[in-house]
C-alpha atoms as a PDB file:
ATOM      1  CA  MET A   1      58.907   0.814 -25.033  1.00  0.00           C
ATOM      2  CA  THR A   2      59.366  -1.509 -28.200  1.00  0.00           C
ATOM      3  CA  ALA A   3      55.895  -2.064 -27.790  1.00  0.00           C
ATOM      4  CA  ALA A   4      54.275   0.993 -27.333  1.00  0.00           C
ATOM      5  CA  ILE A   5      56.315   2.043 -30.028  1.00  0.00           C
ATOM      6  CA  ALA A   6      54.924  -0.505 -32.151  1.00  0.00           C
ATOM      7  CA  ASP A   7      51.746   0.270 -31.119  1.00  0.00           C
ATOM      8  CA  ALA A   8      51.928   3.987 -31.645  1.00  0.00           C
ATOM      9  CA  MET A   9      53.089   2.643 -35.316  1.00  0.00           C
ATOM     10  CA  ARG A  10      50.013   0.490 -35.838  1.00  0.00           C
ATOM     11  CA  LYS A  11      47.533   3.331 -34.395  1.00  0.00           C
ATOM     12  CA  HIS A  12      49.383   5.897 -37.201  1.00  0.00           C
ATOM     13  CA  ASP A  13      49.800   8.515 -34.107  1.00  0.00           C
ATOM     14  CA  PRO A  14      52.799  10.644 -35.789  1.00  0.00           C
ATOM     15  CA  ILE A  15      53.358  12.085 -32.349  1.00  0.00           C
ATOM     16  CA  ARG A  16      53.487   9.705 -29.559  1.00  0.00           C
ATOM     17  CA  LEU A  17      55.658   7.489 -32.461  1.00  0.00           C
ATOM     18  CA  SER A  18      57.856  10.646 -32.453  1.00  0.00           C
ATOM     19  CA  ALA A  19      58.210  10.954 -28.728  1.00  0.00           C
ATOM     20  CA  LEU A  20      58.588   7.096 -28.001  1.00  0.00           C
ATOM     21  CA  ARG A  21      61.287   6.706 -30.673  1.00  0.00           C
ATOM     22  CA  MET A  22      63.031  10.593 -29.231  1.00  0.00           C
ATOM     23  CA  LEU A  23      63.054   8.574 -25.479  1.00  0.00           C
ATOM     24  CA  LYS A  24      64.449   5.271 -26.657  1.00  0.00           C
ATOM     25  CA  ALA A  25      67.178   7.156 -28.125  1.00  0.00           C
ATOM     26  CA  ALA A  26      68.146   9.937 -25.294  1.00  0.00           C
ATOM     27  CA  LEU A  27      67.952   6.348 -23.098  1.00  0.00           C
ATOM     28  CA  MET A  28      69.786   4.350 -25.242  1.00  0.00           C
ATOM     29  CA  ASN A  29      72.567   6.956 -25.645  1.00  0.00           C
ATOM     30  CA  ARG A  30      72.918   7.591 -22.024  1.00  0.00           C
ATOM     31  CA  GLU A  31      73.386   3.554 -21.725  1.00  0.00           C
ATOM     32  CA  ALA A  32      76.517   4.096 -24.154  1.00  0.00           C
ATOM     33  CA  GLU A  33      77.975   7.095 -22.231  1.00  0.00           C
ATOM     34  CA  ARG A  34      77.182   4.879 -18.557  1.00  0.00           C
ATOM     35  CA  GLY A  35      78.307   1.519 -20.624  1.00  0.00           C
ATOM     36  CA  ARG A  36      75.755  -0.049 -18.252  1.00  0.00           C
ATOM     37  CA  ALA A  37      72.293  -0.253 -18.325  1.00  0.00           C
ATOM     38  CA  LEU A  38      70.739   2.636 -16.274  1.00  0.00           C
ATOM     39  CA  ASP A  39      68.555   1.845 -13.220  1.00  0.00           C
ATOM     40  CA  ASP A  40      65.025   3.905 -12.632  1.00  0.00           C
ATOM     41  CA  GLY A  41      66.700   7.296 -10.870  1.00  0.00           C
ATOM     42  CA  GLU A  42      69.003   7.395 -14.349  1.00  0.00           C
ATOM     43  CA  SER A  43      65.955   6.218 -16.720  1.00  0.00           C
ATOM     44  CA  ARG A  44      63.908   8.721 -14.483  1.00  0.00           C
ATOM     45  CA  GLN A  45      66.625  11.835 -15.017  1.00  0.00           C
ATOM     46  CA  VAL A  46      66.576  11.511 -18.528  1.00  0.00           C
ATOM     47  CA  VAL A  47      62.435  12.046 -18.827  1.00  0.00           C
ATOM     48  CA  ALA A  48      62.952  14.901 -16.414  1.00  0.00           C
ATOM     49  CA  SER A  49      65.610  16.581 -19.085  1.00  0.00           C
ATOM     50  CA  LEU A  50      63.415  15.519 -22.148  1.00  0.00           C
ATOM     51  CA  VAL A  51      60.234  17.407 -20.472  1.00  0.00           C
ATOM     52  CA  LYS A  52      62.180  20.216 -19.561  1.00  0.00           C
ATOM     53  CA  GLN A  53      63.762  20.736 -22.902  1.00  0.00           C
ATOM     54  CA  ARG A  54      60.273  21.134 -24.558  1.00  0.00           C
ATOM     55  CA  LYS A  55      58.883  22.961 -21.927  1.00  0.00           C
ATOM     56  CA  ASP A  56      62.027  25.505 -22.901  1.00  0.00           C
ATOM     57  CA  SER A  57      61.143  24.443 -26.417  1.00  0.00           C
ATOM     58  CA  ILE A  58      57.412  25.800 -25.488  1.00  0.00           C
ATOM     59  CA  GLU A  59      58.630  29.128 -24.412  1.00  0.00           C
ATOM     60  CA  GLN A  60      60.519  29.725 -27.248  1.00  0.00           C
ATOM     61  CA  PHE A  61      58.384  29.024 -29.937  1.00  0.00           C
ATOM     62  CA  THR A  62      55.934  30.719 -28.103  1.00  0.00           C
ATOM     63  CA  LYS A  63      58.144  34.096 -28.244  1.00  0.00           C
ATOM     64  CA  GLY A  64      58.495  33.087 -31.592  1.00  0.00           C
ATOM     65  CA  GLY A  65      54.980  33.349 -32.453  1.00  0.00           C
ATOM     66  CA  ARG A  66      54.894  29.832 -33.592  1.00  0.00           C
ATOM     67  CA  PRO A  67      51.906  28.474 -31.475  1.00  0.00           C
ATOM     68  CA  ASP A  68      52.256  25.109 -34.076  1.00  0.00           C
ATOM     69  CA  LEU A  69      55.541  24.379 -32.708  1.00  0.00           C
ATOM     70  CA  ALA A  70      54.826  24.915 -29.129  1.00  0.00           C
ATOM     71  CA  ASP A  71      51.360  22.930 -29.116  1.00  0.00           C
ATOM     72  CA  LYS A  72      53.501  20.024 -30.883  1.00  0.00           C
ATOM     73  CA  GLU A  73      56.067  20.016 -27.736  1.00  0.00           C
ATOM     74  CA  ALA A  74      53.018  20.037 -25.472  1.00  0.00           C
ATOM     75  CA  ALA A  75      52.225  16.816 -26.963  1.00  0.00           C
ATOM     76  CA  GLU A  76      55.077  15.367 -26.735  1.00  0.00           C
ATOM     77  CA  ILE A  77      54.904  16.207 -22.604  1.00  0.00           C
ATOM     78  CA  ARG A  78      51.784  14.367 -22.705  1.00  0.00           C
ATOM     79  CA  VAL A  79      53.631  11.152 -24.152  1.00  0.00           C
ATOM     80  CA  LEU A  80      56.600  11.701 -21.707  1.00  0.00           C
ATOM     81  CA  GLU A  81      54.687  12.141 -18.776  1.00  0.00           C
ATOM     82  CA  ALA A  82      53.586   8.857 -18.815  1.00  0.00           C
ATOM     83  CA  TYR A  83      56.814   7.892 -18.174  1.00  0.00           C
ATOM     84  CA  GLN A  84      57.274  10.238 -14.956  1.00  0.00           C
ATOM     85  CA  PRO A  85      56.455   9.534 -11.830  1.00  0.00           C
ATOM     86  CA  PRO A  86      53.734  11.367 -10.340  1.00  0.00           C
ATOM     87  CA  ALA A  87      53.913  15.059  -9.597  1.00  0.00           C
ATOM     88  CA  ALA A  88      54.816  15.830  -5.889  1.00  0.00           C
ATOM     89  CA  ASP A  89      52.331  17.303  -3.957  1.00  0.00           C
ATOM     90  CA  PRO A  90      52.785  21.349  -3.267  1.00  0.00           C
ATOM     91  CA  ALA A  91      51.994  20.973   0.193  1.00  0.00           C
ATOM     92  CA  ALA A  92      54.998  18.362  -0.055  1.00  0.00           C
ATOM     93  CA  ILE A  93      57.238  20.483  -1.825  1.00  0.00           C
ATOM     94  CA  ASP A  94      56.426  23.193   0.670  1.00  0.00           C
ATOM     95  CA  ARG A  95      57.219  20.555   3.500  1.00  0.00           C
ATOM     96  CA  ALA A  96      60.818  19.639   1.744  1.00  0.00           C
ATOM     97  CA  VAL A  97      61.807  23.482   1.446  1.00  0.00           C
ATOM     98  CA  ALA A  98      61.256  24.027   4.904  1.00  0.00           C
ATOM     99  CA  ASP A  99      62.314  21.032   6.786  1.00  0.00           C
ATOM    100  CA  ALA A 100      65.518  21.996   4.375  1.00  0.00           C
ATOM    101  CA  ILE A 101      66.387  25.133   5.630  1.00  0.00           C
ATOM    102  CA  ARG A 102      65.932  24.407   9.517  1.00  0.00           C
ATOM    103  CA  GLU A 103      67.941  21.391   8.483  1.00  0.00           C
ATOM    104  CA  THR A 104      70.611  23.458   6.601  1.00  0.00           C
ATOM    105  CA  GLY A 105      70.414  26.844   9.117  1.00  0.00           C
ATOM    106  CA  ALA A 106      70.295  28.706   6.040  1.00  0.00           C
ATOM    107  CA  THR A 107      69.141  32.469   6.937  1.00  0.00           C
ATOM    108  CA  SER A 108      69.620  34.297   3.876  1.00  0.00           C
ATOM    109  CA  PRO A 109      69.922  34.318   0.283  1.00  0.00           C
ATOM    110  CA  LYS A 110      73.365  33.191  -0.019  1.00  0.00           C
ATOM    111  CA  ASP A 111      72.312  29.398   1.578  1.00  0.00           C
ATOM    112  CA  MET A 112      70.135  29.075  -1.322  1.00  0.00           C
ATOM    113  CA  GLY A 113      72.424  26.755  -3.239  1.00  0.00           C
ATOM    114  CA  ARG A 114      72.548  24.389   0.111  1.00  0.00           C
ATOM    115  CA  VAL A 115      69.088  24.307   0.864  1.00  0.00           C
ATOM    116  CA  MET A 116      68.173  23.551  -2.897  1.00  0.00           C
ATOM    117  CA  LYS A 117      70.100  20.321  -2.765  1.00  0.00           C
ATOM    118  CA  ALA A 118      68.839  19.386   0.046  1.00  0.00           C
ATOM    119  CA  ALA A 119      65.154  20.049  -0.454  1.00  0.00           C
ATOM    120  CA  MET A 120      65.955  18.185  -4.064  1.00  0.00           C
ATOM    121  CA  ALA A 121      67.140  15.791  -1.920  1.00  0.00           C
ATOM    122  CA  ARG A 122      64.157  14.958  -0.246  1.00  0.00           C
ATOM    123  CA  LEU A 123      61.845  15.267  -3.182  1.00  0.00           C
ATOM    124  CA  ALA A 124      63.729  12.484  -5.026  1.00  0.00           C
ATOM    125  CA  GLY A 125      61.537   9.747  -6.685  1.00  0.00           C
ATOM    126  CA  GLN A 126      58.746  12.604  -7.509  1.00  0.00           C
ATOM    127  CA  SER A 127      58.342  15.062 -10.284  1.00  0.00           C
ATOM    128  CA  VAL A 128      58.844  18.062  -9.086  1.00  0.00           C
ATOM    129  CA  ASP A 129      59.434  21.791 -11.549  1.00  0.00           C
ATOM    130  CA  GLY A 130      63.071  22.736 -10.424  1.00  0.00           C
ATOM    131  CA  LYS A 131      62.187  26.030 -11.402  1.00  0.00           C
ATOM    132  CA  ALA A 132      59.230  26.207  -8.780  1.00  0.00           C
ATOM    133  CA  VAL A 133      60.875  24.683  -5.979  1.00  0.00           C
ATOM    134  CA  ASN A 134      63.599  27.566  -6.762  1.00  0.00           C
ATOM    135  CA  GLU A 135      61.257  30.243  -6.196  1.00  0.00           C
ATOM    136  CA  LEU A 136      59.896  28.859  -3.240  1.00  0.00           C
ATOM    137  CA  VAL A 137      63.128  28.893  -1.712  1.00  0.00           C
ATOM    138  CA  ARG A 138      63.803  32.402  -2.503  1.00  0.00           C
ATOM    139  CA  GLU A 139      61.228  33.590  -1.196  1.00  0.00           C
ATOM    140  CA  LYS A 140      61.083  31.374   1.897  1.00  0.00           C
ATOM    141  CA  LEU A 141      64.820  32.920   2.050  1.00  0.00           C
ATOM    142  CA  ALA A 142      63.660  36.376   1.612  1.00  0.00           C
ATOM    143  CA  GLY A 143      61.044  36.580   3.939  1.00  0.00           C
ATOM    144  CA  ARG A 144      63.473  35.357   6.660  1.00  0.00           C
END
């Protein structure tokens, strides 16, 4: 991480530098909260959280008529995505949701929480959009 920050400084890349510094600070803060070094899973959660915050910001900036700020957030997402595992294949997400529904015996939208928990557990270690999984679970449960 420190080498990447130094490289961004040398290349005068303010967007990359800003995103990497933010990531390093977030990781250090989480380590301080935990009182120990983070494992890979916890580090991935921090990165995923930062990406999600950026996506929410893009949505707000777009609604607010600030495409310049939305573009800056999108550029930061591209930097952060390099520190995330590869995105899950849509077919794998579909299989995980179907398996979770079968495993939990879900029959209605009331079972949404149990299905989401099981599906997300199956997709652990992969980069997935929780909103997309939620929508897929909702569709499948409504169709039953």
